[in-house]
Amino acid sequence: MLTPEQKREIIARIKEKGERVADLAKEYGVQPRIISGYLSRSGQSSGTLLELSKLKREKEALLKIVGQLIVDQKLGKKIQRLLWQLI
């Protein structure tokens, strides 16, 4: 059984950081359905919170991809300049 503080922390981590219910359930040693129950009793739609959580994870993944593309683009330009210098 989780303490009230742990329940609040779990709900906050889902809402604010977009963490997955399955990951938190494993971390706290409970079934995912237990956490889903906490979400539904928190006064907010668990479906909405889970969708928000998913969107936050997707946003972070996209930001990493965009960042890598920018780095690759800059590296490509540097390589191109070096090649032109060799010619």
N, C-alpha and C. Protein backbone atom coordinates (compact mmCIF):
# COMPACT_ATOMS: atom_id res chain seq x y z
N MET A 1 0.84 -1.18 0.00
CA MET A 1 0.00 0.00 0.00
C MET A 1 0.89 1.24 0.00
N LEU A 2 0.48 2.23 -0.76
CA LEU A 2 1.26 3.45 -0.87
C LEU A 2 0.77 4.49 0.12
N THR A 3 1.70 5.33 0.55
CA THR A 3 1.35 6.42 1.45
C THR A 3 0.66 7.53 0.65
N PRO A 4 -0.06 8.40 1.32
CA PRO A 4 -0.68 9.54 0.61
C PRO A 4 0.36 10.39 -0.13
N GLU A 5 1.53 10.55 0.45
CA GLU A 5 2.60 11.32 -0.19
C GLU A 5 3.06 10.63 -1.49
N GLN A 6 3.21 9.31 -1.45
CA GLN A 6 3.61 8.58 -2.65
C GLN A 6 2.55 8.71 -3.73
N LYS A 7 1.29 8.64 -3.34
CA LYS A 7 0.20 8.79 -4.31
C LYS A 7 0.27 10.16 -4.98
N ARG A 8 0.46 11.20 -4.18
CA ARG A 8 0.56 12.56 -4.74
C ARG A 8 1.77 12.67 -5.68
N GLU A 9 2.87 12.07 -5.26
CA GLU A 9 4.08 12.11 -6.08
C GLU A 9 3.86 11.41 -7.42
N ILE A 10 3.21 10.27 -7.39
CA ILE A 10 2.95 9.52 -8.62
C ILE A 10 2.08 10.34 -9.56
N ILE A 11 1.00 10.90 -9.04
CA ILE A 11 0.10 11.70 -9.86
C ILE A 11 0.83 12.91 -10.43
N ALA A 12 1.66 13.55 -9.62
CA ALA A 12 2.41 14.72 -10.09
C ALA A 12 3.40 14.33 -11.18
N ARG A 13 4.06 13.20 -11.02
CA ARG A 13 5.03 12.76 -12.03
C ARG A 13 4.35 12.45 -13.36
N ILE A 14 3.15 11.92 -13.30
CA ILE A 14 2.41 11.65 -14.53
C ILE A 14 1.98 12.96 -15.18
N LYS A 15 1.42 13.87 -14.38
CA LYS A 15 0.91 15.14 -14.90
C LYS A 15 2.03 16.06 -15.38
N GLU A 16 3.07 16.20 -14.60
CA GLU A 16 4.09 17.21 -14.89
C GLU A 16 5.22 16.71 -15.77
N LYS A 17 5.59 15.46 -15.60
CA LYS A 17 6.74 14.94 -16.35
C LYS A 17 6.35 13.98 -17.46
N GLY A 18 5.09 13.57 -17.46
CA GLY A 18 4.65 12.67 -18.51
C GLY A 18 5.13 11.24 -18.34
N GLU A 19 5.43 10.86 -17.12
CA GLU A 19 5.94 9.50 -16.89
C GLU A 19 4.84 8.48 -17.11
N ARG A 20 5.24 7.28 -17.50
CA ARG A 20 4.29 6.22 -17.81
C ARG A 20 3.81 5.52 -16.55
N VAL A 21 2.53 5.17 -16.57
CA VAL A 21 1.92 4.46 -15.44
C VAL A 21 2.65 3.14 -15.20
N ALA A 22 2.93 2.41 -16.27
CA ALA A 22 3.59 1.11 -16.13
C ALA A 22 4.96 1.24 -15.46
N ASP A 23 5.71 2.27 -15.83
CA ASP A 23 7.04 2.48 -15.24
C ASP A 23 6.93 2.82 -13.76
N LEU A 24 6.00 3.69 -13.42
CA LEU A 24 5.82 4.06 -12.02
C LEU A 24 5.31 2.88 -11.20
N ALA A 25 4.42 2.10 -11.78
CA ALA A 25 3.89 0.93 -11.07
C ALA A 25 5.04 -0.03 -10.73
N LYS A 26 5.92 -0.23 -11.68
CA LYS A 26 7.07 -1.11 -11.45
C LYS A 26 7.98 -0.54 -10.37
N GLU A 27 8.23 0.77 -10.45
CA GLU A 27 9.09 1.44 -9.47
C GLU A 27 8.55 1.32 -8.05
N TYR A 28 7.23 1.48 -7.91
CA TYR A 28 6.61 1.46 -6.59
C TYR A 28 6.11 0.08 -6.18
N GLY A 29 6.25 -0.90 -7.06
CA GLY A 29 5.87 -2.26 -6.73
C GLY A 29 4.37 -2.49 -6.62
N VAL A 30 3.60 -1.81 -7.48
CA VAL A 30 2.15 -1.99 -7.49
C VAL A 30 1.71 -2.30 -8.91
N GLN A 31 0.48 -2.76 -9.04
CA GLN A 31 -0.09 -3.01 -10.36
C GLN A 31 -0.48 -1.69 -11.02
N PRO A 32 -0.35 -1.58 -12.33
CA PRO A 32 -0.75 -0.35 -13.02
C PRO A 32 -2.20 0.06 -12.74
N ARG A 33 -3.08 -0.91 -12.55
CA ARG A 33 -4.49 -0.58 -12.29
C ARG A 33 -4.65 0.18 -10.97
N ILE A 34 -3.74 -0.04 -10.02
CA ILE A 34 -3.78 0.69 -8.75
C ILE A 34 -3.55 2.18 -9.02
N ILE A 35 -2.54 2.46 -9.83
CA ILE A 35 -2.22 3.86 -10.15
C ILE A 35 -3.35 4.47 -10.98
N SER A 36 -3.91 3.70 -11.89
CA SER A 36 -5.04 4.21 -12.67
C SER A 36 -6.20 4.58 -11.75
N GLY A 37 -6.41 3.79 -10.71
CA GLY A 37 -7.44 4.11 -9.73
C GLY A 37 -7.15 5.41 -9.00
N TYR A 38 -5.89 5.63 -8.64
CA TYR A 38 -5.50 6.88 -7.98
C TYR A 38 -5.80 8.07 -8.90
N LEU A 39 -5.49 7.89 -10.19
CA LEU A 39 -5.73 8.97 -11.15
C LEU A 39 -7.20 9.30 -11.25
N SER A 40 -8.03 8.27 -11.32
CA SER A 40 -9.46 8.54 -11.45
C SER A 40 -10.04 9.16 -10.18
N ARG A 41 -9.47 8.82 -9.02
CA ARG A 41 -9.95 9.41 -7.76
C ARG A 41 -9.32 10.78 -7.49
N SER A 42 -8.35 11.17 -8.32
CA SER A 42 -7.70 12.46 -8.09
C SER A 42 -8.56 13.63 -8.55
N GLY A 43 -9.72 13.31 -9.12
CA GLY A 43 -10.61 14.38 -9.55
C GLY A 43 -10.41 14.78 -10.99
N GLN A 44 -9.48 14.13 -11.67
CA GLN A 44 -9.23 14.43 -13.07
C GLN A 44 -9.43 13.15 -13.87
N SER A 45 -9.79 13.31 -15.09
CA SER A 45 -10.00 12.16 -15.96
C SER A 45 -8.68 11.43 -16.17
N SER A 46 -8.65 10.16 -15.84
CA SER A 46 -7.40 9.41 -16.01
C SER A 46 -7.03 9.31 -17.48
N GLY A 47 -8.04 9.23 -18.35
CA GLY A 47 -7.76 9.19 -19.79
C GLY A 47 -7.08 10.45 -20.27
N THR A 48 -7.54 11.58 -19.77
CA THR A 48 -6.95 12.87 -20.15
C THR A 48 -5.52 12.97 -19.64
N LEU A 49 -5.31 12.56 -18.41
CA LEU A 49 -3.94 12.62 -17.86
C LEU A 49 -3.01 11.68 -18.59
N LEU A 50 -3.48 10.50 -18.93
CA LEU A 50 -2.64 9.55 -19.65
C LEU A 50 -2.32 10.07 -21.05
N GLU A 51 -3.29 10.70 -21.70
CA GLU A 51 -3.04 11.28 -23.02
C GLU A 51 -2.04 12.42 -22.92
N LEU A 52 -2.18 13.25 -21.89
CA LEU A 52 -1.23 14.34 -21.67
C LEU A 52 0.17 13.78 -21.44
N SER A 53 0.25 12.74 -20.66
CA SER A 53 1.52 12.09 -20.37
C SER A 53 2.17 11.58 -21.67
N LYS A 54 1.36 10.95 -22.49
CA LYS A 54 1.85 10.42 -23.77
C LYS A 54 2.35 11.56 -24.66
N LEU A 55 1.60 12.64 -24.72
CA LEU A 55 1.99 13.79 -25.55
C LEU A 55 3.30 14.41 -25.06
N LYS A 56 3.48 14.47 -23.75
CA LYS A 56 4.74 15.02 -23.21
C LYS A 56 5.92 14.14 -23.60
N ARG A 57 5.76 12.82 -23.54
CA ARG A 57 6.84 11.91 -23.94
C ARG A 57 7.15 12.07 -25.43
N GLU A 58 6.09 12.19 -26.24
CA GLU A 58 6.29 12.36 -27.67
C GLU A 58 7.00 13.68 -27.97
N LYS A 59 6.63 14.73 -27.25
CA LYS A 59 7.27 16.03 -27.44
C LYS A 59 8.76 15.94 -27.14
N GLU A 60 9.11 15.29 -26.03
CA GLU A 60 10.52 15.15 -25.67
C GLU A 60 11.28 14.36 -26.73
N ALA A 61 10.67 13.31 -27.25
CA ALA A 61 11.32 12.50 -28.30
C ALA A 61 11.53 13.34 -29.56
N LEU A 62 10.53 14.14 -29.93
CA LEU A 62 10.66 14.99 -31.12
C LEU A 62 11.73 16.07 -30.93
N LEU A 63 11.80 16.64 -29.73
CA LEU A 63 12.83 17.65 -29.47
C LEU A 63 14.23 17.04 -29.58
N LYS A 64 14.40 15.82 -29.14
CA LYS A 64 15.70 15.15 -29.28
C LYS A 64 16.03 14.93 -30.75
N ILE A 65 15.04 14.53 -31.53
CA ILE A 65 15.27 14.30 -32.96
C ILE A 65 15.64 15.61 -33.65
N VAL A 66 14.89 16.66 -33.37
CA VAL A 66 15.18 17.96 -33.98
C VAL A 66 16.58 18.43 -33.59
N GLY A 67 16.92 18.27 -32.33
CA GLY A 67 18.26 18.65 -31.87
C GLY A 67 19.34 17.90 -32.61
N GLN A 68 19.15 16.61 -32.81
CA GLN A 68 20.14 15.80 -33.52
C GLN A 68 20.22 16.22 -34.99
N LEU A 69 19.09 16.54 -35.59
CA LEU A 69 19.10 17.00 -36.98
C LEU A 69 19.87 18.31 -37.13
N ILE A 70 19.72 19.20 -36.17
CA ILE A 70 20.44 20.48 -36.21
C ILE A 70 21.94 20.23 -36.09
N VAL A 71 22.32 19.35 -35.18
CA VAL A 71 23.74 19.02 -35.01
C VAL A 71 24.28 18.40 -36.30
N ASP A 72 23.53 17.47 -36.87
CA ASP A 72 23.96 16.82 -38.11
C ASP A 72 24.10 17.82 -39.25
N GLN A 73 23.16 18.77 -39.31
CA GLN A 73 23.21 19.78 -40.37
C GLN A 73 24.46 20.64 -40.22
N LYS A 74 24.76 21.07 -39.01
CA LYS A 74 25.94 21.90 -38.78
C LYS A 74 27.22 21.13 -39.09
N LEU A 75 27.24 19.87 -38.70
CA LEU A 75 28.40 19.03 -38.97
C LEU A 75 28.57 18.86 -40.47
N GLY A 76 27.46 18.66 -41.17
CA GLY A 76 27.51 18.50 -42.63
C GLY A 76 28.08 19.73 -43.31
N LYS A 77 27.69 20.91 -42.83
CA LYS A 77 28.20 22.15 -43.40
C LYS A 77 29.70 22.29 -43.15
N LYS A 78 30.16 21.89 -41.96
CA LYS A 78 31.58 21.96 -41.66
C LYS A 78 32.37 21.02 -42.55
N ILE A 79 31.85 19.83 -42.73
CA ILE A 79 32.53 18.85 -43.60
C ILE A 79 32.58 19.36 -45.02
N GLN A 80 31.49 19.96 -45.48
CA GLN A 80 31.44 20.50 -46.83
C GLN A 80 32.48 21.60 -47.00
N ARG A 81 32.60 22.49 -46.02
CA ARG A 81 33.61 23.56 -46.09
C ARG A 81 35.02 22.98 -46.13
N LEU A 82 35.27 21.96 -45.31
CA LEU A 82 36.60 21.34 -45.31
C LEU A 82 36.91 20.70 -46.65
N LEU A 83 35.93 20.06 -47.26
CA LEU A 83 36.14 19.44 -48.56
C LEU A 83 36.46 20.48 -49.62
N TRP A 84 35.77 21.60 -49.59
CA TRP A 84 36.03 22.68 -50.54
C TRP A 84 37.42 23.26 -50.36
N GLN A 85 37.91 23.27 -49.14
CA GLN A 85 39.26 23.79 -48.86
C GLN A 85 40.31 22.86 -49.43
N LEU A 86 40.01 21.58 -49.46
CA LEU A 86 40.97 20.60 -49.98
C LEU A 86 41.05 20.61 -51.50
N ILE A 87 40.02 21.11 -52.14
CA ILE A 87 39.99 21.11 -53.60
C ILE A 87 40.78 22.26 -54.16
